[in-house]
PDB file of N, CA and C in Angstrom:
ATOM      1  N   UNK A   1      53.115-274.096  62.383  1.00  0.00           N
ATOM      2  CA  UNK A   1      52.522-275.405  62.627  1.00  0.00           C
ATOM      3  C   UNK A   1      52.484-275.655  64.137  1.00  0.00           C
ATOM      4  N   UNK A   2      51.409-276.195  64.580  1.00  0.00           N
ATOM      5  CA  UNK A   2      51.207-276.463  65.997  1.00  0.00           C
ATOM      6  C   UNK A   2      51.821-277.816  66.342  1.00  0.00           C
ATOM      7  N   UNK A   3      52.503-277.878  67.470  1.00  0.00           N
ATOM      8  CA  UNK A   3      53.151-279.130  67.890  1.00  0.00           C
ATOM      9  C   UNK A   3      52.137-280.082  68.509  1.00  0.00           C
ATOM     10  N   UNK A   4      52.515-281.347  68.583  1.00  0.00           N
ATOM     11  CA  UNK A   4      51.640-282.347  69.200  1.00  0.00           C
ATOM     12  C   UNK A   4      51.408-282.018  70.668  1.00  0.00           C
ATOM     13  N   UNK A   5      52.415-281.465  71.326  1.00  0.00           N
ATOM     14  CA  UNK A   5      52.276-281.090  72.737  1.00  0.00           C
ATOM     15  C   UNK A   5      51.240-279.971  72.896  1.00  0.00           C
ATOM     16  N   UNK A   6      51.293-278.992  71.998  1.00  0.00           N
ATOM     17  CA  UNK A   6      50.318-277.890  72.054  1.00  0.00           C
ATOM     18  C   UNK A   6      48.898-278.394  71.800  1.00  0.00           C
ATOM     19  N   UNK A   7      48.748-279.306  70.862  1.00  0.00           N
ATOM     20  CA  UNK A   7      47.432-279.887  70.570  1.00  0.00           C
ATOM     21  C   UNK A   7      46.907-280.670  71.769  1.00  0.00           C
ATOM     22  N   UNK A   8      47.770-281.460  72.370  1.00  0.00           N
ATOM     23  CA  UNK A   8      47.392-282.244  73.544  1.00  0.00           C
ATOM     24  C   UNK A   8      47.008-281.335  74.703  1.00  0.00           C
ATOM     25  N   UNK A   9      47.797-280.309  74.930  1.00  0.00           N
ATOM     26  CA  UNK A   9      47.508-279.367  76.014  1.00  0.00           C
ATOM     27  C   UNK A   9      46.181-278.657  75.785  1.00  0.00           C
ATOM     28  N   UNK A  10      45.907-278.281  74.547  1.00  0.00           N
ATOM     29  CA  UNK A  10      44.654-277.600  74.229  1.00  0.00           C
ATOM     30  C   UNK A  10      43.448-278.502  74.491  1.00  0.00           C
ATOM     31  N   UNK A  11      43.541-279.765  74.079  1.00  0.00           N
ATOM     32  CA  UNK A  11      42.434-280.693  74.329  1.00  0.00           C
ATOM     33  C   UNK A  11      42.282-280.990  75.816  1.00  0.00           C
ATOM     34  N   UNK A  12      43.392-281.102  76.515  1.00  0.00           N
ATOM     35  CA  UNK A  12      43.326-281.319  77.961  1.00  0.00           C
ATOM     36  C   UNK A  12      42.607-280.165  78.658  1.00  0.00           C
ATOM     37  N   UNK A  13      42.928-278.942  78.265  1.00  0.00           N
ATOM     38  CA  UNK A  13      42.291-277.762  78.865  1.00  0.00           C
ATOM     39  C   UNK A  13      40.804-277.723  78.550  1.00  0.00           C
ATOM     40  N   UNK A  14      40.455-278.042  77.314  1.00  0.00           N
ATOM     41  CA  UNK A  14      39.044-278.068  76.933  1.00  0.00           C
ATOM     42  C   UNK A  14      38.288-279.137  77.714  1.00  0.00           C
ATOM     43  N   UNK A  15      38.927-280.269  77.935  1.00  0.00           N
ATOM     44  CA  UNK A  15      38.300-281.360  78.682  1.00  0.00           C
ATOM     45  C   UNK A  15      38.097-280.986  80.151  1.00  0.00           C
ATOM     46  N   UNK A  16      39.069-280.318  80.740  1.00  0.00           N
ATOM     47  CA  UNK A  16      38.931-279.860  82.132  1.00  0.00           C
ATOM     48  C   UNK A  16      37.744-278.898  82.245  1.00  0.00           C
ATOM     49  N   UNK A  17      37.632-277.987  81.305  1.00  0.00           N
ATOM     50  CA  UNK A  17      36.527-277.031  81.305  1.00  0.00           C
ATOM     51  C   UNK A  17      35.189-277.746  81.136  1.00  0.00           C
ATOM     52  N   UNK A  18      35.130-278.693  80.212  1.00  0.00           N
ATOM     53  CA  UNK A  18      33.887-279.434  79.968  1.00  0.00           C
ATOM     54  C   UNK A  18      33.480-280.250  81.190  1.00  0.00           C
ATOM     55  N   UNK A  19      34.448-280.862  81.846  1.00  0.00           N
ATOM     56  CA  UNK A  19      34.124-281.639  83.055  1.00  0.00           C
ATOM     57  C   UNK A  19      33.601-280.736  84.168  1.00  0.00           C
ATOM     58  N   UNK A  20      34.161-279.552  84.299  1.00  0.00           N
ATOM     59  CA  UNK A  20      33.676-278.600  85.312  1.00  0.00           C
ATOM     60  C   UNK A  20      32.249-278.172  84.982  1.00  0.00           C
ATOM     61  N   UNK A  21      31.987-277.933  83.714  1.00  0.00           N
ATOM     62  CA  UNK A  21      30.629-277.565  83.282  1.00  0.00           C
ATOM     63  C   UNK A  21      29.653-278.711  83.575  1.00  0.00           C
ATOM     64  N   UNK A  22      30.080-279.934  83.299  1.00  0.00           N
ATOM     65  CA  UNK A  22      29.229-281.099  83.556  1.00  0.00           C
ATOM     66  C   UNK A  22      28.929-281.242  85.047  1.00  0.00           C
ATOM     67  N   UNK A  23      29.935-281.095  85.873  1.00  0.00           N
ATOM     68  CA  UNK A  23      29.721-281.190  87.323  1.00  0.00           C
ATOM     69  C   UNK A  23      28.759-280.122  87.810  1.00  0.00           C
ATOM     70  N   UNK A  24      28.894-278.922  87.272  1.00  0.00           N
ATOM     71  CA  UNK A  24      27.979-277.835  87.633  1.00  0.00           C
ATOM     72  C   UNK A  24      26.551-278.193  87.211  1.00  0.00           C
ATOM     73  N   UNK A  25      26.399-278.750  86.027  1.00  0.00           N
ATOM     74  CA  UNK A  25      25.078-279.147  85.538  1.00  0.00           C
ATOM     75  C   UNK A  25      24.476-280.257  86.412  1.00  0.00           C
ATOM     76  N   UNK A  26      25.307-281.176  86.890  1.00  0.00           N
ATOM     77  CA  UNK A  26      24.833-282.247  87.777  1.00  0.00           C
ATOM     78  C   UNK A  26      24.275-281.649  89.069  1.00  0.00           C
ATOM     79  N   UNK A  27      25.012-280.729  89.663  1.00  0.00           N
ATOM     80  CA  UNK A  27      24.558-280.097  90.910  1.00  0.00           C
ATOM     81  C   UNK A  27      23.276-279.315  90.677  1.00  0.00           C
ATOM     82  N   UNK A  28      23.206-278.575  89.575  1.00  0.00           N
ATOM     83  CA  UNK A  28      22.000-277.803  89.276  1.00  0.00           C
ATOM     84  C   UNK A  28      20.791-278.714  89.084  1.00  0.00           C
ATOM     85  N   UNK A  29      20.982-279.816  88.362  1.00  0.00           N
ATOM     86  CA  UNK A  29      19.884-280.764  88.155  1.00  0.00           C
ATOM     87  C   UNK A  29      19.442-281.375  89.477  1.00  0.00           C
ATOM     88  N   UNK A  30      20.388-281.805  90.276  1.00  0.00           N
ATOM     89  CA  UNK A  30      20.058-282.416  91.568  1.00  0.00           C
ATOM     90  C   UNK A  30      19.326-281.424  92.469  1.00  0.00           C
ATOM     91  N   UNK A  31      19.755-280.177  92.438  1.00  0.00           N
ATOM     92  CA  UNK A  31      19.106-279.145  93.255  1.00  0.00           C
ATOM     93  C   UNK A  31      17.668-278.920  92.802  1.00  0.00           C
ATOM     94  N   UNK A  32      17.471-278.833  91.483  1.00  0.00           N
ATOM     95  CA  UNK A  32      16.098-278.652  90.965  1.00  0.00           C
ATOM     96  C   UNK A  32      15.223-279.846  91.325  1.00  0.00           C
ATOM     97  N   UNK A  33      15.763-281.037  91.193  1.00  0.00           N
ATOM     98  CA  UNK A  33      14.980-282.234  91.489  1.00  0.00           C
ATOM     99  C   UNK A  33      14.650-282.336  92.977  1.00  0.00           C
ATOM    100  N   UNK A  34      15.574-281.930  93.825  1.00  0.00           N
ATOM    101  CA  UNK A  34      15.337-281.973  95.270  1.00  0.00           C
ATOM    102  C   UNK A  34      14.233-281.011  95.683  1.00  0.00           C
ATOM    103  N   UNK A  35      14.061-279.949  94.914  1.00  0.00           N
ATOM    104  CA  UNK A  35      13.038-278.951  95.247  1.00  0.00           C
ATOM    105  C   UNK A  35      11.637-279.368  94.798  1.00  0.00           C
ATOM    106  N   UNK A  36      11.546-280.373  93.967  1.00  0.00           N
ATOM    107  CA  UNK A  36      10.235-280.815  93.474  1.00  0.00           C
ATOM    108  C   UNK A  36       9.515-281.637  94.539  1.00  0.00           C
ATOM    109  N   UNK A  37       8.207-281.547  94.505  1.00  0.00           N
ATOM    110  CA  UNK A  37       7.385-282.360  95.402  1.00  0.00           C
ATOM    111  C   UNK A  37       7.201-283.745  94.790  1.00  0.00           C
ATOM    112  N   UNK A  38       7.195-284.738  95.628  1.00  0.00           N
ATOM    113  CA  UNK A  38       6.973-286.098  95.177  1.00  0.00           C
ATOM    114  C   UNK A  38       5.482-286.309  94.973  1.00  0.00           C
ATOM    115  N   UNK A  39       5.127-286.655  93.749  1.00  0.00           N
ATOM    116  CA  UNK A  39       3.724-286.946  93.450  1.00  0.00           C
ATOM    117  C   UNK A  39       3.658-287.680  92.120  1.00  0.00           C
ATOM    118  N   UNK A  40       2.481-288.197  91.839  1.00  0.00           N
ATOM    119  CA  UNK A  40       2.288-288.948  90.606  1.00  0.00           C
ATOM    120  C   UNK A  40       2.380-288.033  89.377  1.00  0.00           C
ATOM    121  N   UNK A  41       2.064-286.752  89.539  1.00  0.00           N
ATOM    122  CA  UNK A  41       2.093-285.832  88.400  1.00  0.00           C
ATOM    123  C   UNK A  41       3.358-284.964  88.384  1.00  0.00           C
ATOM    124  N   UNK A  42       4.389-285.465  88.974  1.00  0.00           N
ATOM    125  CA  UNK A  42       5.668-284.745  89.022  1.00  0.00           C
ATOM    126  C   UNK A  42       6.183-284.499  87.603  1.00  0.00           C
ATOM    127  N   UNK A  43       6.683-283.297  87.360  1.00  0.00           N
ATOM    128  CA  UNK A  43       7.222-282.969  86.049  1.00  0.00           C
ATOM    129  C   UNK A  43       8.503-283.761  85.800  1.00  0.00           C
ATOM    130  N   UNK A  44       8.723-284.181  84.551  1.00  0.00           N
ATOM    131  CA  UNK A  44       9.961-284.894  84.236  1.00  0.00           C
ATOM    132  C   UNK A  44      11.170-283.980  84.430  1.00  0.00           C
ATOM    133  N   UNK A  45      12.285-284.581  84.690  1.00  0.00           N
ATOM    134  CA  UNK A  45      13.526-283.818  84.873  1.00  0.00           C
ATOM    135  C   UNK A  45      13.924-283.162  83.552  1.00  0.00           C
ATOM    136  N   UNK A  46      14.366-281.922  83.641  1.00  0.00           N
ATOM    137  CA  UNK A  46      14.875-281.206  82.476  1.00  0.00           C
ATOM    138  C   UNK A  46      16.357-281.538  82.360  1.00  0.00           C
ATOM    139  N   UNK A  47      16.669-282.441  81.451  1.00  0.00           N
ATOM    140  CA  UNK A  47      18.042-282.938  81.348  1.00  0.00           C
ATOM    141  C   UNK A  47      18.793-282.390  80.142  1.00  0.00           C
ATOM    142  N   UNK A  48      18.235-281.406  79.475  1.00  0.00           N
ATOM    143  CA  UNK A  48      18.882-280.889  78.267  1.00  0.00           C
ATOM    144  C   UNK A  48      20.275-280.329  78.562  1.00  0.00           C
ATOM    145  N   UNK A  49      20.394-279.508  79.584  1.00  0.00           N
ATOM    146  CA  UNK A  49      21.694-278.905  79.911  1.00  0.00           C
ATOM    147  C   UNK A  49      22.727-279.971  80.280  1.00  0.00           C
ATOM    148  N   UNK A  50      22.323-280.910  81.114  1.00  0.00           N
ATOM    149  CA  UNK A  50      23.267-281.945  81.546  1.00  0.00           C
ATOM    150  C   UNK A  50      23.627-282.870  80.379  1.00  0.00           C
ATOM    151  N   UNK A  51      22.658-283.104  79.497  1.00  0.00           N
ATOM    152  CA  UNK A  51      22.926-283.939  78.317  1.00  0.00           C
ATOM    153  C   UNK A  51      23.988-283.292  77.431  1.00  0.00           C
ATOM    154  N   UNK A  52      23.840-282.006  77.162  1.00  0.00           N
ATOM    155  CA  UNK A  52      24.815-281.310  76.319  1.00  0.00           C
ATOM    156  C   UNK A  52      26.190-281.253  76.992  1.00  0.00           C
ATOM    157  N   UNK A  53      26.208-281.012  78.287  1.00  0.00           N
ATOM    158  CA  UNK A  53      27.484-280.953  79.007  1.00  0.00           C
ATOM    159  C   UNK A  53      28.185-282.311  78.965  1.00  0.00           C
ATOM    160  N   UNK A  54      27.442-283.377  79.173  1.00  0.00           N
ATOM    161  CA  UNK A  54      28.020-284.724  79.159  1.00  0.00           C
ATOM    162  C   UNK A  54      28.500-285.098  77.758  1.00  0.00           C
ATOM    163  N   UNK A  55      27.728-284.703  76.753  1.00  0.00           N
ATOM    164  CA  UNK A  55      28.122-284.982  75.375  1.00  0.00           C
ATOM    165  C   UNK A  55      29.452-284.318  75.049  1.00  0.00           C
ATOM    166  N   UNK A  56      29.657-283.083  75.529  1.00  0.00           N
ATOM    167  CA  UNK A  56      30.935-282.403  75.311  1.00  0.00           C
ATOM    168  C   UNK A  56      32.081-283.160  75.980  1.00  0.00           C
ATOM    169  N   UNK A  57      31.857-283.642  77.196  1.00  0.00           N
ATOM    170  CA  UNK A  57      32.898-284.409  77.895  1.00  0.00           C
ATOM    171  C   UNK A  57      33.246-285.661  77.097  1.00  0.00           C
ATOM    172  N   UNK A  58      32.242-286.372  76.648  1.00  0.00           N
ATOM    173  CA  UNK A  58      32.474-287.608  75.891  1.00  0.00           C
ATOM    174  C   UNK A  58      33.221-287.307  74.596  1.00  0.00           C
ATOM    175  N   UNK A  59      32.793-286.271  73.875  1.00  0.00           N
ATOM    176  CA  UNK A  59      33.432-285.929  72.600  1.00  0.00           C
ATOM    177  C   UNK A  59      34.886-285.503  72.793  1.00  0.00           C
ATOM    178  N   UNK A  60      35.130-284.673  73.781  1.00  0.00           N
ATOM    179  CA  UNK A  60      36.501-284.211  74.025  1.00  0.00           C
ATOM    180  C   UNK A  60      37.401-285.338  74.513  1.00  0.00           C
ATOM    181  N   UNK A  61      36.854-286.226  75.329  1.00  0.00           N
ATOM    182  CA  UNK A  61      37.625-287.378  75.801  1.00  0.00           C
ATOM    183  C   UNK A  61      37.989-288.287  74.620  1.00  0.00           C
ATOM    184  N   UNK A  62      37.036-288.496  73.722  1.00  0.00           N
ATOM    185  CA  UNK A  62      37.302-289.313  72.532  1.00  0.00           C
ATOM    186  C   UNK A  62      38.330-288.637  71.628  1.00  0.00           C
ATOM    187  N   UNK A  63      38.220-287.323  71.475  1.00  0.00           N
ATOM    188  CA  UNK A  63      39.189-286.589  70.655  1.00  0.00           C
ATOM    189  C   UNK A  63      40.589-286.683  71.251  1.00  0.00           C
ATOM    190  N   UNK A  64      40.661-286.585  72.561  1.00  0.00           N
ATOM    191  CA  UNK A  64      41.964-286.692  73.252  1.00  0.00           C
ATOM    192  C   UNK A  64      42.569-288.070  73.029  1.00  0.00           C
ATOM    193  N   UNK A  65      41.750-289.111  73.146  1.00  0.00           N
ATOM    194  CA  UNK A  65      42.228-290.479  72.900  1.00  0.00           C
ATOM    195  C   UNK A  65      42.689-290.652  71.451  1.00  0.00           C
ATOM    196  N   UNK A  66      41.911-290.115  70.522  1.00  0.00           N
ATOM    197  CA  UNK A  66      42.267-290.236  69.108  1.00  0.00           C
ATOM    198  C   UNK A  66      43.567-289.488  68.809  1.00  0.00           C
ATOM    199  N   UNK A  67      43.724-288.300  69.370  1.00  0.00           N
ATOM    200  CA  UNK A  67      44.958-287.545  69.171  1.00  0.00           C
ATOM    201  C   UNK A  67      46.160-288.323  69.720  1.00  0.00           C
ATOM    202  N   UNK A  68      46.007-288.907  70.889  1.00  0.00           N
ATOM    203  CA  UNK A  68      47.087-289.717  71.472  1.00  0.00           C
ATOM    204  C   UNK A  68      47.458-290.871  70.550  1.00  0.00           C
ATOM    205  N   UNK A  69      46.445-291.519  69.992  1.00  0.00           N
ATOM    206  CA  UNK A  69      46.675-292.634  69.067  1.00  0.00           C
ATOM    207  C   UNK A  69      47.427-292.146  67.829  1.00  0.00           C
ATOM    208  N   UNK A  70      47.002-291.012  67.292  1.00  0.00           N
ATOM    209  CA  UNK A  70      47.652-290.456  66.107  1.00  0.00           C
ATOM    210  C   UNK A  70      49.113-290.118  66.396  1.00  0.00           C
ATOM    211  N   UNK A  71      49.373-289.550  67.561  1.00  0.00           N
ATOM    212  CA  UNK A  71      50.739-289.201  67.945  1.00  0.00           C
ATOM    213  C   UNK A  71      51.599-290.458  68.076  1.00  0.00           C
ATOM    214  N   UNK A  72      51.046-291.488  68.718  1.00  0.00           N
ATOM    215  CA  UNK A  72      51.774-292.750  68.873  1.00  0.00           C
ATOM    216  C   UNK A  72      52.086-293.389  67.530  1.00  0.00           C
ATOM    217  N   UNK A  73      51.164-293.259  66.567  1.00  0.00           N
ATOM    218  CA  UNK A  73      51.359-293.848  65.244  1.00  0.00           C
ATOM    219  C   UNK A  73      52.247-292.988  64.346  1.00  0.00           C
ATOM    220  N   UNK A  74      52.546-291.767  64.794  1.00  0.00           N
ATOM    221  CA  UNK A  74      53.365-290.878  63.985  1.00  0.00           C
ATOM    222  C   UNK A  74      52.615-290.262  62.815  1.00  0.00           C
ATOM    223  N   UNK A  75      51.303-290.213  62.916  1.00  0.00           N
ATOM    224  CA  UNK A  75      50.480-289.641  61.848  1.00  0.00           C
ATOM    225  C   UNK A  75      50.763-288.148  61.711  1.00  0.00           C
ATOM    226  N   UNK A  76      50.660-287.630  60.495  1.00  0.00           N
ATOM    227  CA  UNK A  76      50.871-286.195  60.312  1.00  0.00           C
ATOM    228  C   UNK A  76      49.780-285.398  61.027  1.00  0.00           C
ATOM    229  N   UNK A  77      50.169-284.326  61.703  1.00  0.00           N
ATOM    230  CA  UNK A  77      49.216-283.524  62.464  1.00  0.00           C
ATOM    231  C   UNK A  77      49.006-282.149  61.855  1.00  0.00           C
ATOM    232  N   UNK A  78      49.441-281.967  60.627  1.00  0.00           N
ATOM    233  CA  UNK A  78      49.256-280.692  59.943  1.00  0.00           C
ATOM    234  C   UNK A  78      47.796-280.478  59.594  1.00  0.00           C
ATOM    235  N   UNK A  79      47.493-279.309  59.082  1.00  0.00           N
ATOM    236  CA  UNK A  79      46.107-279.019  58.707  1.00  0.00           C
ATOM    237  C   UNK A  79      45.675-279.894  57.553  1.00  0.00           C
ATOM    238  N   UNK A  80      44.371-280.249  57.597  1.00  0.00           N
ATOM    239  CA  UNK A  80      43.838-281.171  56.581  1.00  0.00           C
ATOM    240  C   UNK A  80      43.469-280.459  55.312  1.00  0.00           C
TER     241      UNK A  80
END
């Protein structure tokens, strides 16, 4: 059985990785946008990568908060 500390550490590590991925996606998007010419027919920004990266950050952050709440409440953390 995995301890609450191990679960917390695992989510923390996943969140750090997701945030790094998101930051990388932000820089890549900004770089692509800076290279575009300003005009009325400018192509829309391709935000798919940054959207997915941000969604992972939000989901992992919410999971981390929920796990903390479960630990505080003393909820069972065994497999479902």
